[in-house]
Amino acid sequence: MTAENTTAENTTAENAHLMTELSIVRDGRYYRYEGYCYERLADAVAYAAVVRARQARPVEPVAEQLTSVDVPNAVDGLSVTDHLLMFELAITFENGSFVFNGFRYDRLVDAANYARLIR
């Protein structure tokens, strides 16, 4: 067994332990945590850490009506208020997703909630 194989096995075992500890499930090419899908395990783990921090302090949610549009036409369908919110919280729209701090969201409300949480 080579050093590379041992390192890879250790990393795999550590990832499996972390996924079990945080209740992250592998579903094909995605990692799922509390109803959200992630392409990278690191993103799922980061969100799990946010959820744990959120449990320590309550957060006032952003109004659900912020995004009542379909994602493909989201930018065209956003209100002036939504655009101001995106500007205020440094949320962008890239390739069909709202993006904040390296995380991609299908809905503006989710990106805004996370942005407000870490402020």
PDB file of N, CA and C in Angstrom:
ATOM      1  N   MET A   1       0.859  -1.181   0.000  1.00  0.00           N
ATOM      2  CA  MET A   1       0.000   0.000   0.000  1.00  0.00           C
ATOM      3  C   MET A   1       0.900   1.237   0.000  1.00  0.00           C
ATOM      4  N   THR A   2       0.624   2.163  -0.876  1.00  0.00           N
ATOM      5  CA  THR A   2       1.446   3.361  -0.997  1.00  0.00           C
ATOM      6  C   THR A   2       0.949   4.434  -0.042  1.00  0.00           C
ATOM      7  N   ALA A   3       1.775   5.447   0.132  1.00  0.00           N
ATOM      8  CA  ALA A   3       1.396   6.570   0.994  1.00  0.00           C
ATOM      9  C   ALA A   3       0.183   7.295   0.432  1.00  0.00           C
ATOM     10  N   GLU A   4       0.101   7.378  -0.904  1.00  0.00           N
ATOM     11  CA  GLU A   4      -1.053   8.037  -1.528  1.00  0.00           C
ATOM     12  C   GLU A   4      -2.338   7.282  -1.228  1.00  0.00           C
ATOM     13  N   ASN A   5      -2.300   5.959  -1.307  1.00  0.00           N
ATOM     14  CA  ASN A   5      -3.484   5.152  -1.013  1.00  0.00           C
ATOM     15  C   ASN A   5      -3.910   5.312   0.435  1.00  0.00           C
ATOM     16  N   THR A   6      -2.941   5.303   1.349  1.00  0.00           N
ATOM     17  CA  THR A   6      -3.247   5.467   2.766  1.00  0.00           C
ATOM     18  C   THR A   6      -3.878   6.826   3.025  1.00  0.00           C
ATOM     19  N   THR A   7      -3.335   7.876   2.422  1.00  0.00           N
ATOM     20  CA  THR A   7      -3.890   9.222   2.588  1.00  0.00           C
ATOM     21  C   THR A   7      -5.303   9.293   2.038  1.00  0.00           C
ATOM     22  N   ALA A   8      -5.527   8.706   0.879  1.00  0.00           N
ATOM     23  CA  ALA A   8      -6.860   8.714   0.271  1.00  0.00           C
ATOM     24  C   ALA A   8      -7.855   7.958   1.141  1.00  0.00           C
ATOM     25  N   GLU A   9      -7.430   6.816   1.700  1.00  0.00           N
ATOM     26  CA  GLU A   9      -8.314   6.046   2.574  1.00  0.00           C
ATOM     27  C   GLU A   9      -8.633   6.816   3.847  1.00  0.00           C
ATOM     28  N   ASN A  10      -7.640   7.499   4.411  1.00  0.00           N
ATOM     29  CA  ASN A  10      -7.873   8.309   5.608  1.00  0.00           C
ATOM     30  C   ASN A  10      -8.856   9.430   5.313  1.00  0.00           C
ATOM     31  N   THR A  11      -8.676  10.104   4.169  1.00  0.00           N
ATOM     32  CA  THR A  11      -9.572  11.193   3.788  1.00  0.00           C
ATOM     33  C   THR A  11     -10.989  10.669   3.595  1.00  0.00           C
ATOM     34  N   THR A  12     -11.134   9.535   2.936  1.00  0.00           N
ATOM     35  CA  THR A  12     -12.448   8.941   2.719  1.00  0.00           C
ATOM     36  C   THR A  12     -13.101   8.585   4.048  1.00  0.00           C
ATOM     37  N   ALA A  13     -12.347   8.003   4.957  1.00  0.00           N
ATOM     38  CA  ALA A  13     -12.883   7.644   6.272  1.00  0.00           C
ATOM     39  C   ALA A  13     -13.274   8.892   7.057  1.00  0.00           C
ATOM     40  N   GLU A  14     -12.445   9.932   6.982  1.00  0.00           N
ATOM     41  CA  GLU A  14     -12.761  11.186   7.673  1.00  0.00           C
ATOM     42  C   GLU A  14     -14.024  11.819   7.100  1.00  0.00           C
ATOM     43  N   ASN A  15     -14.147  11.811   5.771  1.00  0.00           N
ATOM     44  CA  ASN A  15     -15.344  12.359   5.127  1.00  0.00           C
ATOM     45  C   ASN A  15     -16.586  11.584   5.536  1.00  0.00           C
ATOM     46  N   ALA A  16     -16.492  10.261   5.565  1.00  0.00           N
ATOM     47  CA  ALA A  16     -17.634   9.427   5.956  1.00  0.00           C
ATOM     48  C   ALA A  16     -18.041   9.725   7.397  1.00  0.00           C
ATOM     49  N   HIS A  17     -17.060   9.872   8.277  1.00  0.00           N
ATOM     50  CA  HIS A  17     -17.351  10.192   9.676  1.00  0.00           C
ATOM     51  C   HIS A  17     -18.014  11.566   9.788  1.00  0.00           C
ATOM     52  N   LEU A  18     -17.489  12.539   9.067  1.00  0.00           N
ATOM     53  CA  LEU A  18     -18.038  13.894   9.082  1.00  0.00           C
ATOM     54  C   LEU A  18     -19.467  13.903   8.552  1.00  0.00           C
ATOM     55  N   MET A  19     -19.709  13.183   7.462  1.00  0.00           N
ATOM     56  CA  MET A  19     -21.053  13.115   6.891  1.00  0.00           C
ATOM     57  C   MET A  19     -22.031  12.486   7.878  1.00  0.00           C
ATOM     58  N   THR A  20     -21.610  11.440   8.565  1.00  0.00           N
ATOM     59  CA  THR A  20     -22.472  10.796   9.556  1.00  0.00           C
ATOM     60  C   THR A  20     -22.756  11.745  10.712  1.00  0.00           C
ATOM     61  N   GLU A  21     -21.725  12.407  11.191  1.00  0.00           N
ATOM     62  CA  GLU A  21     -21.868  13.330  12.322  1.00  0.00           C
ATOM     63  C   GLU A  21     -22.822  14.477  12.004  1.00  0.00           C
ATOM     64  N   LEU A  22     -22.784  14.987  10.778  1.00  0.00           N
ATOM     65  CA  LEU A  22     -23.593  16.147  10.404  1.00  0.00           C
ATOM     66  C   LEU A  22     -24.884  15.780   9.671  1.00  0.00           C
ATOM     67  N   SER A  23     -25.153  14.483   9.508  1.00  0.00           N
ATOM     68  CA  SER A  23     -26.351  13.997   8.799  1.00  0.00           C
ATOM     69  C   SER A  23     -26.378  14.459   7.344  1.00  0.00           C
ATOM     70  N   ILE A  24     -25.236  14.412   6.697  1.00  0.00           N
ATOM     71  CA  ILE A  24     -25.125  14.725   5.272  1.00  0.00           C
ATOM     72  C   ILE A  24     -25.189  13.404   4.515  1.00  0.00           C
ATOM     73  N   VAL A  25     -26.008  13.363   3.470  1.00  0.00           N
ATOM     74  CA  VAL A  25     -26.215  12.132   2.714  1.00  0.00           C
ATOM     75  C   VAL A  25     -25.692  12.311   1.293  1.00  0.00           C
ATOM     76  N   ARG A  26     -25.018  11.289   0.790  1.00  0.00           N
ATOM     77  CA  ARG A  26     -24.545  11.294  -0.600  1.00  0.00           C
ATOM     78  C   ARG A  26     -25.656  10.705  -1.466  1.00  0.00           C
ATOM     79  N   ASP A  27     -26.063  11.441  -2.485  1.00  0.00           N
ATOM     80  CA  ASP A  27     -27.135  11.005  -3.383  1.00  0.00           C
ATOM     81  C   ASP A  27     -26.652  11.187  -4.816  1.00  0.00           C
ATOM     82  N   GLY A  28     -26.032  10.166  -5.357  1.00  0.00           N
ATOM     83  CA  GLY A  28     -25.462  10.283  -6.698  1.00  0.00           C
ATOM     84  C   GLY A  28     -24.304  11.255  -6.688  1.00  0.00           C
ATOM     85  N   ARG A  29     -24.415  12.312  -7.486  1.00  0.00           N
ATOM     86  CA  ARG A  29     -23.319  13.288  -7.529  1.00  0.00           C
ATOM     87  C   ARG A  29     -23.501  14.413  -6.528  1.00  0.00           C
ATOM     88  N   TYR A  30     -24.579  14.377  -5.752  1.00  0.00           N
ATOM     89  CA  TYR A  30     -24.870  15.459  -4.813  1.00  0.00           C
ATOM     90  C   TYR A  30     -24.715  15.014  -3.363  1.00  0.00           C
ATOM     91  N   TYR A  31     -24.427  16.000  -2.536  1.00  0.00           N
ATOM     92  CA  TYR A  31     -24.463  15.827  -1.093  1.00  0.00           C
ATOM     93  C   TYR A  31     -25.711  16.563  -0.622  1.00  0.00           C
ATOM     94  N   ARG A  32     -26.534  15.926   0.201  1.00  0.00           N
ATOM     95  CA  ARG A  32     -27.788  16.538   0.647  1.00  0.00           C
ATOM     96  C   ARG A  32     -27.738  16.789   2.148  1.00  0.00           C
ATOM     97  N   TYR A  33     -28.169  18.001   2.500  1.00  0.00           N
ATOM     98  CA  TYR A  33     -28.262  18.369   3.909  1.00  0.00           C
ATOM     99  C   TYR A  33     -29.494  19.246   4.094  1.00  0.00           C
ATOM    100  N   GLU A  34     -30.399  18.810   4.944  1.00  0.00           N
ATOM    101  CA  GLU A  34     -31.619  19.542   5.288  1.00  0.00           C
ATOM    102  C   GLU A  34     -32.342  20.105   4.071  1.00  0.00           C
ATOM    103  N   GLY A  35     -32.537  19.266   3.067  1.00  0.00           N
ATOM    104  CA  GLY A  35     -33.302  19.674   1.900  1.00  0.00           C
ATOM    105  C   GLY A  35     -32.515  20.414   0.834  1.00  0.00           C
ATOM    106  N   TYR A  36     -31.251  20.668   1.050  1.00  0.00           N
ATOM    107  CA  TYR A  36     -30.424  21.375   0.073  1.00  0.00           C
ATOM    108  C   TYR A  36     -29.450  20.399  -0.573  1.00  0.00           C
ATOM    109  N   CYS A  37     -29.117  20.661  -1.833  1.00  0.00           N
ATOM    110  CA  CYS A  37     -28.173  19.818  -2.583  1.00  0.00           C
ATOM    111  C   CYS A  37     -26.883  20.591  -2.828  1.00  0.00           C
ATOM    112  N   TYR A  38     -25.785  19.900  -2.685  1.00  0.00           N
ATOM    113  CA  TYR A  38     -24.474  20.506  -2.912  1.00  0.00           C
ATOM    114  C   TYR A  38     -23.652  19.595  -3.805  1.00  0.00           C
ATOM    115  N   GLU A  39     -22.896  20.177  -4.696  1.00  0.00           N
ATOM    116  CA  GLU A  39     -22.010  19.395  -5.553  1.00  0.00           C
ATOM    117  C   GLU A  39     -20.710  19.052  -4.834  1.00  0.00           C
ATOM    118  N   ARG A  40     -20.361  19.845  -3.831  1.00  0.00           N
ATOM    119  CA  ARG A  40     -19.119  19.610  -3.086  1.00  0.00           C
ATOM    120  C   ARG A  40     -19.430  19.353  -1.617  1.00  0.00           C
ATOM    121  N   LEU A  41     -18.756  18.391  -1.035  1.00  0.00           N
ATOM    122  CA  LEU A  41     -18.944  18.071   0.375  1.00  0.00           C
ATOM    123  C   LEU A  41     -18.605  19.274   1.246  1.00  0.00           C
ATOM    124  N   ALA A  42     -17.584  20.022   0.868  1.00  0.00           N
ATOM    125  CA  ALA A  42     -17.168  21.184   1.663  1.00  0.00           C
ATOM    126  C   ALA A  42     -18.304  22.196   1.805  1.00  0.00           C
ATOM    127  N   ASP A  43     -19.119  22.368   0.757  1.00  0.00           N
ATOM    128  CA  ASP A  43     -20.246  23.302   0.828  1.00  0.00           C
ATOM    129  C   ASP A  43     -21.314  22.796   1.792  1.00  0.00           C
ATOM    130  N   ALA A  44     -21.598  21.501   1.748  1.00  0.00           N
ATOM    131  CA  ALA A  44     -22.587  20.922   2.661  1.00  0.00           C
ATOM    132  C   ALA A  44     -22.115  21.043   4.109  1.00  0.00           C
ATOM    133  N   VAL A  45     -20.844  20.797   4.340  1.00  0.00           N
ATOM    134  CA  VAL A  45     -20.280  20.909   5.688  1.00  0.00           C
ATOM    135  C   VAL A  45     -20.338  22.359   6.168  1.00  0.00           C
ATOM    136  N   ALA A  46     -20.016  23.294   5.288  1.00  0.00           N
ATOM    137  CA  ALA A  46     -20.061  24.713   5.667  1.00  0.00           C
ATOM    138  C   ALA A  46     -21.478  25.127   6.036  1.00  0.00           C
ATOM    139  N   TYR A  47     -22.469  24.668   5.266  1.00  0.00           N
ATOM    140  CA  TYR A  47     -23.848  25.027   5.588  1.00  0.00           C
ATOM    141  C   TYR A  47     -24.281  24.376   6.899  1.00  0.00           C
ATOM    142  N   ALA A  48     -23.861  23.149   7.136  1.00  0.00           N
ATOM    143  CA  ALA A  48     -24.180  22.487   8.400  1.00  0.00           C
ATOM    144  C   ALA A  48     -23.618  23.288   9.573  1.00  0.00           C
ATOM    145  N   ALA A  49     -22.433  23.851   9.411  1.00  0.00           N
ATOM    146  CA  ALA A  49     -21.844  24.692  10.459  1.00  0.00           C
ATOM    147  C   ALA A  49     -22.674  25.949  10.672  1.00  0.00           C
ATOM    148  N   VAL A  50     -23.188  26.515   9.583  1.00  0.00           N
ATOM    149  CA  VAL A  50     -24.050  27.698   9.690  1.00  0.00           C
ATOM    150  C   VAL A  50     -25.321  27.352  10.452  1.00  0.00           C
ATOM    151  N   VAL A  51     -25.903  26.201  10.144  1.00  0.00           N
ATOM    152  CA  VAL A  51     -27.132  25.782  10.825  1.00  0.00           C
ATOM    153  C   VAL A  51     -26.874  25.610  12.313  1.00  0.00           C
ATOM    154  N   ARG A  52     -25.764  25.014  12.656  1.00  0.00           N
ATOM    155  CA  ARG A  52     -25.431  24.857  14.079  1.00  0.00           C
ATOM    156  C   ARG A  52     -25.261  26.212  14.758  1.00  0.00           C
ATOM    157  N   ALA A  53     -24.631  27.149  14.075  1.00  0.00           N
ATOM    158  CA  ALA A  53     -24.473  28.494  14.640  1.00  0.00           C
ATOM    159  C   ALA A  53     -25.825  29.180  14.769  1.00  0.00           C
ATOM    160  N   ARG A  54     -26.692  28.950  13.795  1.00  0.00           N
ATOM    161  CA  ARG A  54     -28.023  29.557  13.803  1.00  0.00           C
ATOM    162  C   ARG A  54     -28.833  29.065  15.001  1.00  0.00           C
ATOM    163  N   GLN A  55     -28.641  27.818  15.382  1.00  0.00           N
ATOM    164  CA  GLN A  55     -29.366  27.268  16.519  1.00  0.00           C
ATOM    165  C   GLN A  55     -28.981  27.983  17.808  1.00  0.00           C
ATOM    166  N   ALA A  56     -27.797  28.556  17.824  1.00  0.00           N
ATOM    167  CA  ALA A  56     -27.335  29.280  19.004  1.00  0.00           C
ATOM    168  C   ALA A  56     -27.957  30.664  19.114  1.00  0.00           C
ATOM    169  N   ARG A  57     -28.365  31.252  17.969  1.00  0.00           N
ATOM    170  CA  ARG A  57     -28.995  32.571  18.015  1.00  0.00           C
ATOM    171  C   ARG A  57     -30.082  32.654  16.949  1.00  0.00           C
ATOM    172  N   PRO A  58     -31.256  33.136  17.318  1.00  0.00           N
ATOM    173  CA  PRO A  58     -32.347  33.223  16.342  1.00  0.00           C
ATOM    174  C   PRO A  58     -32.079  34.306  15.303  1.00  0.00           C
ATOM    175  N   VAL A  59     -32.533  34.060  14.077  1.00  0.00           N
ATOM    176  CA  VAL A  59     -32.364  34.998  12.976  1.00  0.00           C
ATOM    177  C   VAL A  59     -33.736  35.378  12.452  1.00  0.00           C
ATOM    178  N   GLU A  60     -33.923  36.662  12.189  1.00  0.00           N
ATOM    179  CA  GLU A  60     -35.180  37.111  11.611  1.00  0.00           C
ATOM    180  C   GLU A  60     -35.166  36.783  10.123  1.00  0.00           C
ATOM    181  N   PRO A  61     -36.111  35.942   9.654  1.00  0.00           N
ATOM    182  CA  PRO A  61     -36.095  35.541   8.244  1.00  0.00           C
ATOM    183  C   PRO A  61     -36.488  36.668   7.308  1.00  0.00           C
ATOM    184  N   VAL A  62     -35.956  36.606   6.096  1.00  0.00           N
ATOM    185  CA  VAL A  62     -36.331  37.541   5.042  1.00  0.00           C
ATOM    186  C   VAL A  62     -37.716  37.133   4.564  1.00  0.00           C
ATOM    187  N   ALA A  63     -38.535  38.081   4.204  1.00  0.00           N
ATOM    188  CA  ALA A  63     -39.884  37.785   3.743  1.00  0.00           C
ATOM    189  C   ALA A  63     -39.856  36.794   2.584  1.00  0.00           C
ATOM    190  N   GLU A  64     -40.707  35.791   2.654  1.00  0.00           N
ATOM    191  CA  GLU A  64     -40.730  34.724   1.649  1.00  0.00           C
ATOM    192  C   GLU A  64     -41.096  35.233   0.262  1.00  0.00           C
ATOM    193  N   GLN A  65     -41.827  36.329   0.162  1.00  0.00           N
ATOM    194  CA  GLN A  65     -42.261  36.809  -1.144  1.00  0.00           C
ATOM    195  C   GLN A  65     -41.132  37.458  -1.936  1.00  0.00           C
ATOM    196  N   LEU A  66     -39.927  37.514  -1.408  1.00  0.00           N
ATOM    197  CA  LEU A  66     -38.824  38.145  -2.126  1.00  0.00           C
ATOM    198  C   LEU A  66     -38.608  37.533  -3.500  1.00  0.00           C
ATOM    199  N   THR A  67     -38.761  36.250  -3.622  1.00  0.00           N
ATOM    200  CA  THR A  67     -38.554  35.618  -4.913  1.00  0.00           C
ATOM    201  C   THR A  67     -39.706  34.697  -5.250  1.00  0.00           C
ATOM    202  N   SER A  68     -40.597  35.195  -6.049  1.00  0.00           N
ATOM    203  CA  SER A  68     -41.723  34.380  -6.488  1.00  0.00           C
ATOM    204  C   SER A  68     -41.612  34.133  -7.984  1.00  0.00           C
ATOM    205  N   VAL A  69     -40.379  34.176  -8.481  1.00  0.00           N
ATOM    206  CA  VAL A  69     -40.141  34.011  -9.911  1.00  0.00           C
ATOM    207  C   VAL A  69     -39.386  32.723 -10.160  1.00  0.00           C
ATOM    208  N   ASP A  70     -39.456  32.227 -11.364  1.00  0.00           N
ATOM    209  CA  ASP A  70     -38.686  31.053 -11.732  1.00  0.00           C
ATOM    210  C   ASP A  70     -37.227  31.447 -11.880  1.00  0.00           C
ATOM    211  N   VAL A  71     -36.335  30.573 -11.470  1.00  0.00           N
ATOM    212  CA  VAL A  71     -34.910  30.876 -11.491  1.00  0.00           C
ATOM    213  C   VAL A  71     -34.380  31.244 -12.872  1.00  0.00           C
ATOM    214  N   PRO A  72     -34.748  30.550 -13.977  1.00  0.00           N
ATOM    215  CA  PRO A  72     -34.155  30.920 -15.269  1.00  0.00           C
ATOM    216  C   PRO A  72     -34.373  32.379 -15.652  1.00  0.00           C
ATOM    217  N   ASN A  73     -35.485  32.975 -15.254  1.00  0.00           N
ATOM    218  CA  ASN A  73     -35.764  34.371 -15.579  1.00  0.00           C
ATOM    219  C   ASN A  73     -35.709  35.249 -14.337  1.00  0.00           C
ATOM    220  N   ALA A  74     -35.003  34.790 -13.323  1.00  0.00           N
ATOM    221  CA  ALA A  74     -35.050  35.449 -12.027  1.00  0.00           C
ATOM    222  C   ALA A  74     -34.636  36.907 -12.084  1.00  0.00           C
ATOM    223  N   VAL A  75     -33.539  37.216 -12.735  1.00  0.00           N
ATOM    224  CA  VAL A  75     -33.065  38.595 -12.738  1.00  0.00           C
ATOM    225  C   VAL A  75     -34.065  39.493 -13.447  1.00  0.00           C
ATOM    226  N   ASP A  76     -34.614  39.043 -14.567  1.00  0.00           N
ATOM    227  CA  ASP A  76     -35.610  39.838 -15.276  1.00  0.00           C
ATOM    228  C   ASP A  76     -36.861  40.038 -14.440  1.00  0.00           C
ATOM    229  N   GLY A  77     -37.224  39.056 -13.622  1.00  0.00           N
ATOM    230  CA  GLY A  77     -38.461  39.115 -12.864  1.00  0.00           C
ATOM    231  C   GLY A  77     -38.334  39.721 -11.480  1.00  0.00           C
ATOM    232  N   LEU A  78     -37.141  40.131 -11.076  1.00  0.00           N
ATOM    233  CA  LEU A  78     -36.961  40.682  -9.734  1.00  0.00           C
ATOM    234  C   LEU A  78     -37.484  42.105  -9.649  1.00  0.00           C
ATOM    235  N   SER A  79     -37.998  42.430  -8.481  1.00  0.00           N
ATOM    236  CA  SER A  79     -38.476  43.788  -8.247  1.00  0.00           C
ATOM    237  C   SER A  79     -37.297  44.701  -7.931  1.00  0.00           C
ATOM    238  N   VAL A  80     -37.567  45.979  -7.899  1.00  0.00           N
ATOM    239  CA  VAL A  80     -36.536  46.954  -7.520  1.00  0.00           C
ATOM    240  C   VAL A  80     -36.060  46.655  -6.106  1.00  0.00           C
ATOM    241  N   THR A  81     -36.980  46.285  -5.235  1.00  0.00           N
ATOM    242  CA  THR A  81     -36.628  45.948  -3.848  1.00  0.00           C
ATOM    243  C   THR A  81     -35.669  44.761  -3.808  1.00  0.00           C
ATOM    244  N   ASP A  82     -35.933  43.747  -4.640  1.00  0.00           N
ATOM    245  CA  ASP A  82     -35.052  42.582  -4.688  1.00  0.00           C
ATOM    246  C   ASP A  82     -33.650  42.964  -5.162  1.00  0.00           C
ATOM    247  N   HIS A  83     -33.584  43.809  -6.185  1.00  0.00           N
ATOM    248  CA  HIS A  83     -32.277  44.259  -6.683  1.00  0.00           C
ATOM    249  C   HIS A  83     -31.536  45.064  -5.619  1.00  0.00           C
ATOM    250  N   LEU A  84     -32.248  45.888  -4.878  1.00  0.00           N
ATOM    251  CA  LEU A  84     -31.616  46.653  -3.797  1.00  0.00           C
ATOM    252  C   LEU A  84     -31.101  45.717  -2.710  1.00  0.00           C
ATOM    253  N   LEU A  85     -31.887  44.698  -2.390  1.00  0.00           N
ATOM    254  CA  LEU A  85     -31.465  43.721  -1.393  1.00  0.00           C
ATOM    255  C   LEU A  85     -30.199  43.001  -1.854  1.00  0.00           C
ATOM    256  N   MET A  86     -30.173  42.602  -3.110  1.00  0.00           N
ATOM    257  CA  MET A  86     -28.985  41.940  -3.646  1.00  0.00           C
ATOM    258  C   MET A  86     -27.769  42.856  -3.562  1.00  0.00           C
ATOM    259  N   PHE A  87     -27.947  44.120  -3.899  1.00  0.00           N
ATOM    260  CA  PHE A  87     -26.845  45.079  -3.826  1.00  0.00           C
ATOM    261  C   PHE A  87     -26.386  45.255  -2.380  1.00  0.00           C
ATOM    262  N   GLU A  88     -27.342  45.425  -1.474  1.00  0.00           N
ATOM    263  CA  GLU A  88     -27.037  45.644  -0.054  1.00  0.00           C
ATOM    264  C   GLU A  88     -26.269  44.471   0.550  1.00  0.00           C
ATOM    265  N   LEU A  89     -26.634  43.254   0.160  1.00  0.00           N
ATOM    266  CA  LEU A  89     -26.027  42.067   0.757  1.00  0.00           C
ATOM    267  C   LEU A  89     -24.924  41.444  -0.105  1.00  0.00           C
ATOM    268  N   ALA A  90     -24.575  42.105  -1.212  1.00  0.00           N
ATOM    269  CA  ALA A  90     -23.524  41.627  -2.120  1.00  0.00           C
ATOM    270  C   ALA A  90     -23.856  40.249  -2.696  1.00  0.00           C
ATOM    271  N   ILE A  91     -25.108  40.063  -3.085  1.00  0.00           N
ATOM    272  CA  ILE A  91     -25.560  38.831  -3.725  1.00  0.00           C
ATOM    273  C   ILE A  91     -25.552  39.066  -5.231  1.00  0.00           C
ATOM    274  N   THR A  92     -25.014  38.117  -5.973  1.00  0.00           N
ATOM    275  CA  THR A  92     -24.992  38.226  -7.431  1.00  0.00           C
ATOM    276  C   THR A  92     -25.862  37.123  -8.034  1.00  0.00           C
ATOM    277  N   PHE A  93     -26.073  37.214  -9.332  1.00  0.00           N
ATOM    278  CA  PHE A  93     -26.811  36.180 -10.056  1.00  0.00           C
ATOM    279  C   PHE A  93     -25.915  35.671 -11.166  1.00  0.00           C
ATOM    280  N   GLU A  94     -25.538  34.387 -11.089  1.00  0.00           N
ATOM    281  CA  GLU A  94     -24.597  33.808 -12.042  1.00  0.00           C
ATOM    282  C   GLU A  94     -25.083  32.437 -12.494  1.00  0.00           C
ATOM    283  N   ASN A  95     -25.146  32.246 -13.792  1.00  0.00           N
ATOM    284  CA  ASN A  95     -25.495  30.941 -14.368  1.00  0.00           C
ATOM    285  C   ASN A  95     -26.755  30.338 -13.758  1.00  0.00           C
ATOM    286  N   GLY A  96     -27.767  31.153 -13.559  1.00  0.00           N
ATOM    287  CA  GLY A  96     -29.046  30.657 -13.069  1.00  0.00           C
ATOM    288  C   GLY A  96     -29.149  30.486 -11.571  1.00  0.00           C
ATOM    289  N   SER A  97     -28.157  30.975 -10.809  1.00  0.00           N
ATOM    290  CA  SER A  97     -28.175  30.844  -9.350  1.00  0.00           C
ATOM    291  C   SER A  97     -27.856  32.177  -8.691  1.00  0.00           C
ATOM    292  N   PHE A  98     -28.448  32.391  -7.537  1.00  0.00           N
ATOM    293  CA  PHE A  98     -28.066  33.525  -6.704  1.00  0.00           C
ATOM    294  C   PHE A  98     -26.809  33.100  -5.960  1.00  0.00           C
ATOM    295  N   VAL A  99     -25.797  33.964  -5.923  1.00  0.00           N
ATOM    296  CA  VAL A  99     -24.509  33.597  -5.333  1.00  0.00           C
ATOM    297  C   VAL A  99     -24.154  34.575  -4.227  1.00  0.00           C
ATOM    298  N   PHE A 100     -23.816  34.005  -3.054  1.00  0.00           N
ATOM    299  CA  PHE A 100     -23.313  34.809  -1.946  1.00  0.00           C
ATOM    300  C   PHE A 100     -22.193  34.040  -1.274  1.00  0.00           C
ATOM    301  N   ASN A 101     -21.069  34.691  -1.113  1.00  0.00           N
ATOM    302  CA  ASN A 101     -19.940  34.145  -0.369  1.00  0.00           C
ATOM    303  C   ASN A 101     -19.518  32.764  -0.891  1.00  0.00           C
ATOM    304  N   GLY A 102     -19.597  32.584  -2.210  1.00  0.00           N
ATOM    305  CA  GLY A 102     -19.178  31.327  -2.808  1.00  0.00           C
ATOM    306  C   GLY A 102     -20.235  30.239  -2.829  1.00  0.00           C
ATOM    307  N   PHE A 103     -21.379  30.468  -2.213  1.00  0.00           N
ATOM    308  CA  PHE A 103     -22.459  29.487  -2.201  1.00  0.00           C
ATOM    309  C   PHE A 103     -23.505  29.863  -3.241  1.00  0.00           C
ATOM    310  N   ARG A 104     -24.091  28.857  -3.874  1.00  0.00           N
ATOM    311  CA  ARG A 104     -25.120  29.085  -4.887  1.00  0.00           C
ATOM    312  C   ARG A 104     -26.481  28.686  -4.329  1.00  0.00           C
ATOM    313  N   TYR A 105     -27.480  29.507  -4.638  1.00  0.00           N
ATOM    314  CA  TYR A 105     -28.839  29.276  -4.152  1.00  0.00           C
ATOM    315  C   TYR A 105     -29.825  29.376  -5.308  1.00  0.00           C
ATOM    316  N   ASP A 106     -30.874  28.562  -5.254  1.00  0.00           N
ATOM    317  CA  ASP A 106     -31.930  28.645  -6.258  1.00  0.00           C
ATOM    318  C   ASP A 106     -32.849  29.826  -5.988  1.00  0.00           C
ATOM    319  N   ARG A 107     -32.956  30.218  -4.729  1.00  0.00           N
ATOM    320  CA  ARG A 107     -33.892  31.290  -4.356  1.00  0.00           C
ATOM    321  C   ARG A 107     -33.145  32.445  -3.683  1.00  0.00           C
ATOM    322  N   LEU A 108     -33.556  33.649  -4.004  1.00  0.00           N
ATOM    323  CA  LEU A 108     -32.957  34.838  -3.401  1.00  0.00           C
ATOM    324  C   LEU A 108     -33.149  34.837  -1.893  1.00  0.00           C
ATOM    325  N   VAL A 109     -34.305  34.400  -1.424  1.00  0.00           N
ATOM    326  CA  VAL A 109     -34.586  34.409   0.011  1.00  0.00           C
ATOM    327  C   VAL A 109     -33.551  33.581   0.778  1.00  0.00           C
ATOM    328  N   ASP A 110     -33.108  32.447   0.214  1.00  0.00           N
ATOM    329  CA  ASP A 110     -32.115  31.616   0.891  1.00  0.00           C
ATOM    330  C   ASP A 110     -30.755  32.305   0.942  1.00  0.00           C
ATOM    331  N   ALA A 111     -30.356  32.932  -0.150  1.00  0.00           N
ATOM    332  CA  ALA A 111     -29.084  33.664  -0.171  1.00  0.00           C
ATOM    333  C   ALA A 111     -29.123  34.830   0.809  1.00  0.00           C
ATOM    334  N   ALA A 112     -30.250  35.541   0.859  1.00  0.00           N
ATOM    335  CA  ALA A 112     -30.382  36.688   1.762  1.00  0.00           C
ATOM    336  C   ALA A 112     -30.369  36.243   3.220  1.00  0.00           C
ATOM    337  N   ASN A 113     -31.040  35.137   3.527  1.00  0.00           N
ATOM    338  CA  ASN A 113     -31.033  34.631   4.908  1.00  0.00           C
ATOM    339  C   ASN A 113     -29.619  34.296   5.357  1.00  0.00           C
ATOM    340  N   TYR A 114     -28.847  33.626   4.493  1.00  0.00           N
ATOM    341  CA  TYR A 114     -27.478  33.277   4.849  1.00  0.00           C
ATOM    342  C   TYR A 114     -26.620  34.535   4.991  1.00  0.00           C
ATOM    343  N   ALA A 115     -26.793  35.484   4.078  1.00  0.00           N
ATOM    344  CA  ALA A 115     -26.011  36.724   4.139  1.00  0.00           C
ATOM    345  C   ALA A 115     -26.280  37.464   5.444  1.00  0.00           C
ATOM    346  N   ARG A 116     -27.526  37.523   5.843  1.00  0.00           N
ATOM    347  CA  ARG A 116     -27.866  38.207   7.105  1.00  0.00           C
ATOM    348  C   ARG A 116     -27.370  37.430   8.312  1.00  0.00           C
ATOM    349  N   LEU A 117     -27.354  36.124   8.215  1.00  0.00           N
ATOM    350  CA  LEU A 117     -26.909  35.295   9.325  1.00  0.00           C
ATOM    351  C   LEU A 117     -25.449  35.547   9.665  1.00  0.00           C
ATOM    352  N   ILE A 118     -24.611  35.682   8.655  1.00  0.00           N
ATOM    353  CA  ILE A 118     -23.177  35.810   8.933  1.00  0.00           C
ATOM    354  C   ILE A 118     -22.727  37.251   9.103  1.00  0.00           C
ATOM    355  N   ARG A 119     -23.623  38.193   8.994  1.00  0.00           N
ATOM    356  CA  ARG A 119     -23.257  39.600   9.202  1.00  0.00           C
ATOM    357  C   ARG A 119     -22.889  39.855  10.628  1.00  0.00           C
TER     358      ARG A 119
END
